[in-house]
All heavy atoms as atom14 arrays in JSON, in Angstrom:
{
  "sequence": "GGTKAIAVIGRGSTIFESISIPTAGPAETLAALASQLDVWARRWQPQA",
  "atom14_mask": [
    [1, 1, 1, 1, 0, 0, 0, 0, 0, 0, 0, 0, 0, 0],
    [1, 1, 1, 1, 0, 0, 0, 0, 0, 0, 0, 0, 0, 0],
    [1, 1, 1, 1, 1, 1, 1, 0, 0, 0, 0, 0, 0, 0],
    [1, 1, 1, 1, 1, 1, 1, 1, 1, 0, 0, 0, 0, 0],
    [1, 1, 1, 1, 1, 0, 0, 0, 0, 0, 0, 0, 0, 0],
    [1, 1, 1, 1, 1, 1, 1, 1, 0, 0, 0, 0, 0, 0],
    [1, 1, 1, 1, 1, 0, 0, 0, 0, 0, 0, 0, 0, 0],
    [1, 1, 1, 1, 1, 1, 1, 0, 0, 0, 0, 0, 0, 0],
    [1, 1, 1, 1, 1, 1, 1, 1, 0, 0, 0, 0, 0, 0],
    [1, 1, 1, 1, 0, 0, 0, 0, 0, 0, 0, 0, 0, 0],
    [1, 1, 1, 1, 1, 1, 1, 1, 1, 1, 1, 0, 0, 0],
    [1, 1, 1, 1, 0, 0, 0, 0, 0, 0, 0, 0, 0, 0],
    [1, 1, 1, 1, 1, 1, 0, 0, 0, 0, 0, 0, 0, 0],
    [1, 1, 1, 1, 1, 1, 1, 0, 0, 0, 0, 0, 0, 0],
    [1, 1, 1, 1, 1, 1, 1, 1, 0, 0, 0, 0, 0, 0],
    [1, 1, 1, 1, 1, 1, 1, 1, 1, 1, 1, 0, 0, 0],
    [1, 1, 1, 1, 1, 1, 1, 1, 1, 0, 0, 0, 0, 0],
    [1, 1, 1, 1, 1, 1, 0, 0, 0, 0, 0, 0, 0, 0],
    [1, 1, 1, 1, 1, 1, 1, 1, 0, 0, 0, 0, 0, 0],
    [1, 1, 1, 1, 1, 1, 0, 0, 0, 0, 0, 0, 0, 0],
    [1, 1, 1, 1, 1, 1, 1, 1, 0, 0, 0, 0, 0, 0],
    [1, 1, 1, 1, 1, 1, 1, 0, 0, 0, 0, 0, 0, 0],
    [1, 1, 1, 1, 1, 1, 1, 0, 0, 0, 0, 0, 0, 0],
    [1, 1, 1, 1, 1, 0, 0, 0, 0, 0, 0, 0, 0, 0],
    [1, 1, 1, 1, 0, 0, 0, 0, 0, 0, 0, 0, 0, 0],
    [1, 1, 1, 1, 1, 1, 1, 0, 0, 0, 0, 0, 0, 0],
    [1, 1, 1, 1, 1, 0, 0, 0, 0, 0, 0, 0, 0, 0],
    [1, 1, 1, 1, 1, 1, 1, 1, 1, 0, 0, 0, 0, 0],
    [1, 1, 1, 1, 1, 1, 1, 0, 0, 0, 0, 0, 0, 0],
    [1, 1, 1, 1, 1, 1, 1, 1, 0, 0, 0, 0, 0, 0],
    [1, 1, 1, 1, 1, 0, 0, 0, 0, 0, 0, 0, 0, 0],
    [1, 1, 1, 1, 1, 0, 0, 0, 0, 0, 0, 0, 0, 0],
    [1, 1, 1, 1, 1, 1, 1, 1, 0, 0, 0, 0, 0, 0],
    [1, 1, 1, 1, 1, 0, 0, 0, 0, 0, 0, 0, 0, 0],
    [1, 1, 1, 1, 1, 1, 0, 0, 0, 0, 0, 0, 0, 0],
    [1, 1, 1, 1, 1, 1, 1, 1, 1, 0, 0, 0, 0, 0],
    [1, 1, 1, 1, 1, 1, 1, 1, 0, 0, 0, 0, 0, 0],
    [1, 1, 1, 1, 1, 1, 1, 1, 0, 0, 0, 0, 0, 0],
    [1, 1, 1, 1, 1, 1, 1, 0, 0, 0, 0, 0, 0, 0],
    [1, 1, 1, 1, 1, 1, 1, 1, 1, 1, 1, 1, 1, 1],
    [1, 1, 1, 1, 1, 0, 0, 0, 0, 0, 0, 0, 0, 0],
    [1, 1, 1, 1, 1, 1, 1, 1, 1, 1, 1, 0, 0, 0],
    [1, 1, 1, 1, 1, 1, 1, 1, 1, 1, 1, 0, 0, 0],
    [1, 1, 1, 1, 1, 1, 1, 1, 1, 1, 1, 1, 1, 1],
    [1, 1, 1, 1, 1, 1, 1, 1, 1, 0, 0, 0, 0, 0],
    [1, 1, 1, 1, 1, 1, 1, 0, 0, 0, 0, 0, 0, 0],
    [1, 1, 1, 1, 1, 1, 1, 1, 1, 0, 0, 0, 0, 0],
    [1, 1, 1, 1, 1, 0, 0, 0, 0, 0, 0, 0, 0, 0]
  ],
  "atom14_positions": [
    [[75.39, 266.65, 28.82], [75.35, 266.47, 27.37], [75.48, 265.01, 26.97], [75.78, 264.15, 27.8], [0.0, 0.0, 0.0], [0.0, 0.0, 0.0], [0.0, 0.0, 0.0], [0.0, 0.0, 0.0], [0.0, 0.0, 0.0], [0.0, 0.0, 0.0], [0.0, 0.0, 0.0], [0.0, 0.0, 0.0], [0.0, 0.0, 0.0], [0.0, 0.0, 0.0]],
    [[75.27, 264.75, 25.7], [75.34, 263.38, 25.23], [76.73, 262.78, 25.27], [76.89, 261.56, 25.41], [0.0, 0.0, 0.0], [0.0, 0.0, 0.0], [0.0, 0.0, 0.0], [0.0, 0.0, 0.0], [0.0, 0.0, 0.0], [0.0, 0.0, 0.0], [0.0, 0.0, 0.0], [0.0, 0.0, 0.0], [0.0, 0.0, 0.0], [0.0, 0.0, 0.0]],
    [[77.77, 263.61, 25.17], [79.14, 263.1, 25.17], [79.94, 263.53, 26.4], [80.87, 262.84, 26.79], [79.89, 263.57, 23.91], [79.85, 265.0, 23.85], [79.24, 263.0, 22.66], [0.0, 0.0, 0.0], [0.0, 0.0, 0.0], [0.0, 0.0, 0.0], [0.0, 0.0, 0.0], [0.0, 0.0, 0.0], [0.0, 0.0, 0.0], [0.0, 0.0, 0.0]],
    [[79.57, 264.66, 27.0], [80.27, 265.09, 28.21], [79.32, 265.84, 29.13], [78.3, 266.37, 28.69], [81.47, 265.97, 27.88], [81.13, 267.31, 27.26], [82.38, 268.13, 26.97], [82.02, 269.46, 26.3], [83.22, 270.26, 26.0], [0.0, 0.0, 0.0], [0.0, 0.0, 0.0], [0.0, 0.0, 0.0], [0.0, 0.0, 0.0], [0.0, 0.0, 0.0]],
    [[79.68, 265.84, 30.4], [78.9, 266.55, 31.4], [79.79, 267.6, 32.04], [80.97, 267.33, 32.34], [78.36, 265.59, 32.45], [0.0, 0.0, 0.0], [0.0, 0.0, 0.0], [0.0, 0.0, 0.0], [0.0, 0.0, 0.0], [0.0, 0.0, 0.0], [0.0, 0.0, 0.0], [0.0, 0.0, 0.0], [0.0, 0.0, 0.0], [0.0, 0.0, 0.0]],
    [[79.25, 268.79, 32.25], [80.0, 269.9, 32.83], [79.26, 270.4, 34.06], [78.05, 270.62, 34.02], [80.16, 271.05, 31.82], [80.92, 270.57, 30.58], [80.87, 272.24, 32.45], [80.97, 271.59, 29.45], [0.0, 0.0, 0.0], [0.0, 0.0, 0.0], [0.0, 0.0, 0.0], [0.0, 0.0, 0.0], [0.0, 0.0, 0.0], [0.0, 0.0, 0.0]],
    [[79.99, 270.54, 35.15], [79.45, 271.15, 36.36], [80.17, 272.47, 36.58], [81.39, 272.57, 36.4], [79.63, 270.24, 37.57], [0.0, 0.0, 0.0], [0.0, 0.0, 0.0], [0.0, 0.0, 0.0], [0.0, 0.0, 0.0], [0.0, 0.0, 0.0], [0.0, 0.0, 0.0], [0.0, 0.0, 0.0], [0.0, 0.0, 0.0], [0.0, 0.0, 0.0]],
    [[79.41, 273.49, 36.96], [79.98, 274.82, 37.17], [79.39, 275.44, 38.43], [78.3, 275.06, 38.88], [79.7, 275.77, 35.98], [80.42, 275.32, 34.74], [78.2, 275.87, 35.7], [0.0, 0.0, 0.0], [0.0, 0.0, 0.0], [0.0, 0.0, 0.0], [0.0, 0.0, 0.0], [0.0, 0.0, 0.0], [0.0, 0.0, 0.0], [0.0, 0.0, 0.0]],
    [[80.12, 276.37, 39.0], [79.59, 277.2, 40.08], [80.0, 278.63, 39.78], [81.11, 278.89, 39.3], [80.08, 276.75, 41.46], [79.37, 277.56, 42.56], [81.6, 276.82, 41.59], [79.46, 276.94, 43.95], [0.0, 0.0, 0.0], [0.0, 0.0, 0.0], [0.0, 0.0, 0.0], [0.0, 0.0, 0.0], [0.0, 0.0, 0.0], [0.0, 0.0, 0.0]],
    [[79.07, 279.56, 40.01], [79.4, 280.94, 39.69], [78.31, 281.89, 40.1], [77.35, 281.54, 40.8], [0.0, 0.0, 0.0], [0.0, 0.0, 0.0], [0.0, 0.0, 0.0], [0.0, 0.0, 0.0], [0.0, 0.0, 0.0], [0.0, 0.0, 0.0], [0.0, 0.0, 0.0], [0.0, 0.0, 0.0], [0.0, 0.0, 0.0], [0.0, 0.0, 0.0]],
    [[78.46, 283.1, 39.63], [77.52, 284.19, 39.95], [77.28, 284.98, 38.66], [78.23, 285.45, 38.02], [78.12, 285.09, 41.02], [77.4, 286.4, 41.22], [78.15, 287.3, 42.19], [77.88, 286.95, 43.57], [78.8, 286.9, 44.53], [80.07, 287.14, 44.24], [78.45, 286.61, 45.77], [0.0, 0.0, 0.0], [0.0, 0.0, 0.0], [0.0, 0.0, 0.0]],
    [[76.01, 285.12, 38.26], [75.72, 285.78, 37.0], [76.38, 285.04, 35.85], [76.18, 283.85, 35.67], [0.0, 0.0, 0.0], [0.0, 0.0, 0.0], [0.0, 0.0, 0.0], [0.0, 0.0, 0.0], [0.0, 0.0, 0.0], [0.0, 0.0, 0.0], [0.0, 0.0, 0.0], [0.0, 0.0, 0.0], [0.0, 0.0, 0.0], [0.0, 0.0, 0.0]],
    [[77.19, 285.72, 35.08], [77.92, 285.09, 33.98], [79.37, 284.81, 34.34], [80.18, 284.49, 33.47], [77.86, 285.99, 32.74], [78.47, 287.25, 33.01], [0.0, 0.0, 0.0], [0.0, 0.0, 0.0], [0.0, 0.0, 0.0], [0.0, 0.0, 0.0], [0.0, 0.0, 0.0], [0.0, 0.0, 0.0], [0.0, 0.0, 0.0], [0.0, 0.0, 0.0]],
    [[79.7, 284.91, 35.62], [81.07, 284.64, 36.07], [81.15, 283.23, 36.63], [80.46, 282.9, 37.6], [81.5, 285.64, 37.15], [81.43, 286.96, 36.64], [82.93, 285.36, 37.61], [0.0, 0.0, 0.0], [0.0, 0.0, 0.0], [0.0, 0.0, 0.0], [0.0, 0.0, 0.0], [0.0, 0.0, 0.0], [0.0, 0.0, 0.0], [0.0, 0.0, 0.0]],
    [[81.92, 282.4, 36.0], [82.13, 281.02, 36.44], [83.36, 280.97, 37.35], [84.46, 281.33, 36.93], [82.29, 280.07, 35.24], [80.99, 280.01, 34.44], [82.69, 278.68, 35.72], [81.09, 279.2, 33.17], [0.0, 0.0, 0.0], [0.0, 0.0, 0.0], [0.0, 0.0, 0.0], [0.0, 0.0, 0.0], [0.0, 0.0, 0.0], [0.0, 0.0, 0.0]],
    [[83.16, 280.54, 38.58], [84.26, 280.43, 39.53], [85.1, 279.18, 39.27], [86.33, 279.24, 39.22], [83.74, 280.37, 40.97], [82.93, 281.56, 41.4], [82.0, 281.45, 42.42], [83.08, 282.8, 40.79], [81.25, 282.53, 42.83], [82.33, 283.9, 41.19], [81.41, 283.76, 42.21], [0.0, 0.0, 0.0], [0.0, 0.0, 0.0], [0.0, 0.0, 0.0]],
    [[84.42, 278.05, 39.15], [85.09, 276.76, 38.94], [84.23, 275.91, 38.02], [83.0, 276.07, 37.98], [85.29, 276.01, 40.26], [86.19, 276.68, 41.27], [86.38, 275.8, 42.51], [86.72, 274.62, 42.35], [86.15, 276.3, 43.63], [0.0, 0.0, 0.0], [0.0, 0.0, 0.0], [0.0, 0.0, 0.0], [0.0, 0.0, 0.0], [0.0, 0.0, 0.0]],
    [[84.88, 274.99, 37.32], [84.13, 274.06, 36.48], [84.89, 272.75, 36.36], [86.12, 272.71, 36.51], [83.88, 274.64, 35.08], [85.09, 274.77, 34.37], [0.0, 0.0, 0.0], [0.0, 0.0, 0.0], [0.0, 0.0, 0.0], [0.0, 0.0, 0.0], [0.0, 0.0, 0.0], [0.0, 0.0, 0.0], [0.0, 0.0, 0.0], [0.0, 0.0, 0.0]],
    [[84.16, 271.68, 36.11], [84.77, 270.38, 35.79], [84.04, 269.81, 34.59], [82.87, 270.13, 34.34], [84.71, 269.39, 36.96], [83.25, 269.02, 37.27], [85.41, 269.93, 38.19], [83.1, 267.72, 38.02], [0.0, 0.0, 0.0], [0.0, 0.0, 0.0], [0.0, 0.0, 0.0], [0.0, 0.0, 0.0], [0.0, 0.0, 0.0], [0.0, 0.0, 0.0]],
    [[84.72, 268.98, 33.84], [84.13, 268.31, 32.69], [84.48, 266.83, 32.76], [85.64, 266.48, 33.0], [84.65, 268.9, 31.38], [84.14, 268.21, 30.26], [0.0, 0.0, 0.0], [0.0, 0.0, 0.0], [0.0, 0.0, 0.0], [0.0, 0.0, 0.0], [0.0, 0.0, 0.0], [0.0, 0.0, 0.0], [0.0, 0.0, 0.0], [0.0, 0.0, 0.0]],
    [[83.48, 265.96, 32.58], [83.7, 264.52, 32.6], [82.97, 263.91, 31.41], [81.97, 264.46, 30.93], [83.2, 263.88, 33.91], [81.69, 264.1, 34.08], [83.97, 264.42, 35.11], [81.08, 263.34, 35.24], [0.0, 0.0, 0.0], [0.0, 0.0, 0.0], [0.0, 0.0, 0.0], [0.0, 0.0, 0.0], [0.0, 0.0, 0.0], [0.0, 0.0, 0.0]],
    [[83.44, 262.75, 30.92], [82.7, 262.08, 29.86], [81.34, 261.61, 30.37], [81.2, 261.21, 31.53], [83.59, 260.88, 29.5], [84.93, 261.2, 30.07], [84.7, 262.05, 31.26], [0.0, 0.0, 0.0], [0.0, 0.0, 0.0], [0.0, 0.0, 0.0], [0.0, 0.0, 0.0], [0.0, 0.0, 0.0], [0.0, 0.0, 0.0], [0.0, 0.0, 0.0]],
    [[80.33, 261.67, 29.52], [79.02, 261.12, 29.87], [79.07, 259.62, 29.61], [78.96, 259.17, 28.48], [77.9, 261.77, 29.03], [77.92, 263.18, 29.24], [76.54, 261.22, 29.44], [0.0, 0.0, 0.0], [0.0, 0.0, 0.0], [0.0, 0.0, 0.0], [0.0, 0.0, 0.0], [0.0, 0.0, 0.0], [0.0, 0.0, 0.0], [0.0, 0.0, 0.0]],
    [[79.28, 258.89, 30.7], [79.34, 257.43, 30.62], [77.98, 256.86, 31.02], [76.94, 257.39, 30.62], [80.45, 256.93, 31.53], [0.0, 0.0, 0.0], [0.0, 0.0, 0.0], [0.0, 0.0, 0.0], [0.0, 0.0, 0.0], [0.0, 0.0, 0.0], [0.0, 0.0, 0.0], [0.0, 0.0, 0.0], [0.0, 0.0, 0.0], [0.0, 0.0, 0.0]],
    [[77.96, 255.8, 31.82], [76.7, 255.26, 32.29], [76.06, 256.2, 33.3], [76.74, 257.03, 33.92], [0.0, 0.0, 0.0], [0.0, 0.0, 0.0], [0.0, 0.0, 0.0], [0.0, 0.0, 0.0], [0.0, 0.0, 0.0], [0.0, 0.0, 0.0], [0.0, 0.0, 0.0], [0.0, 0.0, 0.0], [0.0, 0.0, 0.0], [0.0, 0.0, 0.0]],
    [[74.75, 256.08, 33.5], [74.06, 256.99, 34.41], [74.6, 256.99, 35.83], [74.83, 258.05, 36.41], [72.6, 256.51, 34.36], [72.48, 255.78, 33.08], [73.81, 255.17, 32.82], [0.0, 0.0, 0.0], [0.0, 0.0, 0.0], [0.0, 0.0, 0.0], [0.0, 0.0, 0.0], [0.0, 0.0, 0.0], [0.0, 0.0, 0.0], [0.0, 0.0, 0.0]],
    [[74.8, 255.82, 36.41], [75.24, 255.75, 37.8], [76.61, 256.4, 37.97], [76.82, 257.21, 38.89], [75.27, 254.29, 38.26], [0.0, 0.0, 0.0], [0.0, 0.0, 0.0], [0.0, 0.0, 0.0], [0.0, 0.0, 0.0], [0.0, 0.0, 0.0], [0.0, 0.0, 0.0], [0.0, 0.0, 0.0], [0.0, 0.0, 0.0], [0.0, 0.0, 0.0]],
    [[77.52, 256.08, 37.09], [78.88, 256.61, 37.17], [78.9, 258.13, 36.96], [79.55, 258.88, 37.71], [79.76, 255.93, 36.11], [81.17, 256.46, 36.02], [81.95, 255.85, 34.87], [81.44, 254.89, 34.24], [83.06, 256.33, 34.59], [0.0, 0.0, 0.0], [0.0, 0.0, 0.0], [0.0, 0.0, 0.0], [0.0, 0.0, 0.0], [0.0, 0.0, 0.0]],
    [[78.18, 258.59, 35.97], [78.19, 260.01, 35.64], [77.54, 260.84, 36.74], [78.09, 261.87, 37.17], [77.47, 260.25, 34.31], [78.07, 259.44, 33.28], [77.55, 261.71, 33.9], [0.0, 0.0, 0.0], [0.0, 0.0, 0.0], [0.0, 0.0, 0.0], [0.0, 0.0, 0.0], [0.0, 0.0, 0.0], [0.0, 0.0, 0.0], [0.0, 0.0, 0.0]],
    [[76.38, 260.42, 37.19], [75.68, 261.19, 38.22], [76.43, 261.17, 39.55], [76.43, 262.16, 40.28], [74.26, 260.64, 38.4], [73.33, 260.86, 37.21], [71.99, 260.14, 37.43], [73.08, 262.34, 36.96], [0.0, 0.0, 0.0], [0.0, 0.0, 0.0], [0.0, 0.0, 0.0], [0.0, 0.0, 0.0], [0.0, 0.0, 0.0], [0.0, 0.0, 0.0]],
    [[77.1, 260.06, 39.85], [77.88, 260.0, 41.08], [79.04, 260.98, 41.04], [79.34, 261.66, 42.04], [78.4, 258.57, 41.3], [0.0, 0.0, 0.0], [0.0, 0.0, 0.0], [0.0, 0.0, 0.0], [0.0, 0.0, 0.0], [0.0, 0.0, 0.0], [0.0, 0.0, 0.0], [0.0, 0.0, 0.0], [0.0, 0.0, 0.0], [0.0, 0.0, 0.0]],
    [[79.71, 261.09, 39.89], [80.83, 262.02, 39.77], [80.34, 263.47, 39.88], [80.99, 264.3, 40.54], [81.55, 261.8, 38.44], [0.0, 0.0, 0.0], [0.0, 0.0, 0.0], [0.0, 0.0, 0.0], [0.0, 0.0, 0.0], [0.0, 0.0, 0.0], [0.0, 0.0, 0.0], [0.0, 0.0, 0.0], [0.0, 0.0, 0.0], [0.0, 0.0, 0.0]],
    [[79.22, 263.77, 39.25], [78.68, 265.13, 39.35], [78.24, 265.44, 40.78], [78.5, 266.54, 41.3], [77.5, 265.28, 38.4], [77.83, 265.24, 36.9], [76.55, 265.14, 36.08], [78.63, 266.47, 36.49], [0.0, 0.0, 0.0], [0.0, 0.0, 0.0], [0.0, 0.0, 0.0], [0.0, 0.0, 0.0], [0.0, 0.0, 0.0], [0.0, 0.0, 0.0]],
    [[77.59, 264.48, 41.44], [77.14, 264.69, 42.81], [78.31, 264.92, 43.75], [78.24, 265.76, 44.65], [76.31, 263.49, 43.27], [0.0, 0.0, 0.0], [0.0, 0.0, 0.0], [0.0, 0.0, 0.0], [0.0, 0.0, 0.0], [0.0, 0.0, 0.0], [0.0, 0.0, 0.0], [0.0, 0.0, 0.0], [0.0, 0.0, 0.0], [0.0, 0.0, 0.0]],
    [[79.39, 264.21, 43.52], [80.57, 264.38, 44.37], [81.11, 265.8, 44.27], [81.47, 266.42, 45.28], [81.65, 263.37, 43.96], [82.83, 263.56, 44.71], [0.0, 0.0, 0.0], [0.0, 0.0, 0.0], [0.0, 0.0, 0.0], [0.0, 0.0, 0.0], [0.0, 0.0, 0.0], [0.0, 0.0, 0.0], [0.0, 0.0, 0.0], [0.0, 0.0, 0.0]],
    [[81.16, 266.35, 43.06], [81.66, 267.71, 42.89], [80.68, 268.73, 43.48], [81.1, 269.71, 44.12], [81.88, 268.01, 41.42], [82.49, 269.37, 41.15], [83.86, 269.52, 41.81], [84.8, 268.8, 41.5], [83.99, 270.46, 42.74], [0.0, 0.0, 0.0], [0.0, 0.0, 0.0], [0.0, 0.0, 0.0], [0.0, 0.0, 0.0], [0.0, 0.0, 0.0]],
    [[79.39, 268.52, 43.28], [78.41, 269.44, 43.85], [78.5, 269.46, 45.38], [78.33, 270.5, 46.01], [77.0, 269.05, 43.42], [76.64, 269.24, 41.94], [75.17, 268.91, 41.71], [76.95, 270.64, 41.45], [0.0, 0.0, 0.0], [0.0, 0.0, 0.0], [0.0, 0.0, 0.0], [0.0, 0.0, 0.0], [0.0, 0.0, 0.0], [0.0, 0.0, 0.0]],
    [[78.78, 268.3, 45.95], [78.91, 268.23, 47.41], [80.1, 269.05, 47.89], [80.02, 269.77, 48.9], [79.06, 266.76, 47.83], [79.06, 266.6, 49.33], [78.16, 267.13, 50.0], [79.98, 265.93, 49.86], [0.0, 0.0, 0.0], [0.0, 0.0, 0.0], [0.0, 0.0, 0.0], [0.0, 0.0, 0.0], [0.0, 0.0, 0.0], [0.0, 0.0, 0.0]],
    [[81.21, 268.98, 47.16], [82.4, 269.78, 47.52], [82.06, 271.27, 47.46], [82.39, 272.04, 48.37], [83.57, 269.45, 46.57], [84.71, 270.44, 46.76], [84.04, 268.03, 46.78], [0.0, 0.0, 0.0], [0.0, 0.0, 0.0], [0.0, 0.0, 0.0], [0.0, 0.0, 0.0], [0.0, 0.0, 0.0], [0.0, 0.0, 0.0], [0.0, 0.0, 0.0]],
    [[81.41, 271.69, 46.39], [81.07, 273.11, 46.23], [80.03, 273.56, 47.26], [80.05, 274.7, 47.71], [80.56, 273.36, 44.82], [81.64, 273.35, 43.79], [82.98, 273.54, 44.0], [81.48, 273.13, 42.38], [83.67, 273.45, 42.81], [82.77, 273.21, 41.79], [80.38, 272.88, 41.57], [82.98, 273.03, 40.44], [80.59, 272.71, 40.21], [81.87, 272.78, 39.65]],
    [[79.1, 272.66, 47.6], [78.09, 273.02, 48.59], [78.75, 273.37, 49.93], [78.31, 274.3, 50.62], [77.1, 271.88, 48.76], [0.0, 0.0, 0.0], [0.0, 0.0, 0.0], [0.0, 0.0, 0.0], [0.0, 0.0, 0.0], [0.0, 0.0, 0.0], [0.0, 0.0, 0.0], [0.0, 0.0, 0.0], [0.0, 0.0, 0.0], [0.0, 0.0, 0.0]],
    [[79.78, 272.65, 50.28], [80.48, 272.9, 51.54], [81.34, 274.17, 51.46], [81.45, 274.92, 52.43], [81.35, 271.7, 51.9], [80.56, 270.41, 52.12], [81.49, 269.21, 52.23], [80.75, 267.96, 52.2], [80.22, 267.38, 53.28], [80.34, 267.98, 54.46], [79.56, 266.24, 53.18], [0.0, 0.0, 0.0], [0.0, 0.0, 0.0], [0.0, 0.0, 0.0]],
    [[81.91, 274.4, 50.29], [82.86, 275.51, 50.15], [82.15, 276.84, 49.87], [82.55, 277.88, 50.39], [83.84, 275.21, 49.02], [84.91, 276.28, 48.8], [85.78, 275.95, 47.6], [86.33, 274.62, 47.69], [86.83, 273.95, 46.64], [86.83, 274.51, 45.44], [87.33, 272.73, 46.79], [0.0, 0.0, 0.0], [0.0, 0.0, 0.0], [0.0, 0.0, 0.0]],
    [[81.12, 276.82, 49.03], [80.53, 278.06, 48.54], [79.12, 278.34, 49.05], [78.63, 279.46, 48.92], [80.46, 278.03, 47.0], [81.78, 278.01, 46.32], [82.46, 276.91, 45.87], [82.61, 279.12, 45.97], [83.63, 277.27, 45.25], [83.74, 278.64, 45.31], [82.47, 280.5, 46.14], [84.75, 279.46, 44.82], [83.47, 281.32, 45.66], [84.59, 280.81, 45.01]],
    [[78.44, 277.31, 49.59], [77.04, 277.44, 50.03], [76.15, 278.04, 48.93], [75.51, 279.09, 49.12], [76.91, 278.3, 51.31], [77.49, 277.67, 52.55], [79.01, 277.85, 52.65], [79.49, 278.97, 52.5], [79.74, 276.78, 52.88], [0.0, 0.0, 0.0], [0.0, 0.0, 0.0], [0.0, 0.0, 0.0], [0.0, 0.0, 0.0], [0.0, 0.0, 0.0]],
    [[76.11, 277.42, 47.76], [75.27, 277.95, 46.67], [73.8, 277.94, 47.05], [73.34, 277.11, 47.84], [75.56, 276.99, 45.52], [75.99, 275.72, 46.19], [76.75, 276.15, 47.41], [0.0, 0.0, 0.0], [0.0, 0.0, 0.0], [0.0, 0.0, 0.0], [0.0, 0.0, 0.0], [0.0, 0.0, 0.0], [0.0, 0.0, 0.0], [0.0, 0.0, 0.0]],
    [[73.06, 278.86, 46.44], [71.65, 279.03, 46.79], [70.7, 278.24, 45.9], [69.52, 278.1, 46.25], [71.28, 280.51, 46.73], [72.05, 281.38, 47.7], [71.64, 282.84, 47.58], [70.45, 283.16, 47.49], [72.61, 283.73, 47.57], [0.0, 0.0, 0.0], [0.0, 0.0, 0.0], [0.0, 0.0, 0.0], [0.0, 0.0, 0.0], [0.0, 0.0, 0.0]],
    [[71.17, 277.74, 44.78], [70.26, 277.05, 43.86], [71.08, 276.21, 42.88], [72.3, 276.33, 42.79], [69.38, 278.05, 43.1], [0.0, 0.0, 0.0], [0.0, 0.0, 0.0], [0.0, 0.0, 0.0], [0.0, 0.0, 0.0], [0.0, 0.0, 0.0], [0.0, 0.0, 0.0], [0.0, 0.0, 0.0], [0.0, 0.0, 0.0], [0.0, 0.0, 0.0]]
  ]
}
């Protein structure tokens, strides 16, 4: 979003975990999101 970014992992409409960070500069924001996705990829093995 324009003011904050939210990452979630879940199934259907059930959200297992989520994080919210301010939408700052592109490099900073995308790096923080990528870091969380990497953690979830190892823990949950999401399909998409």
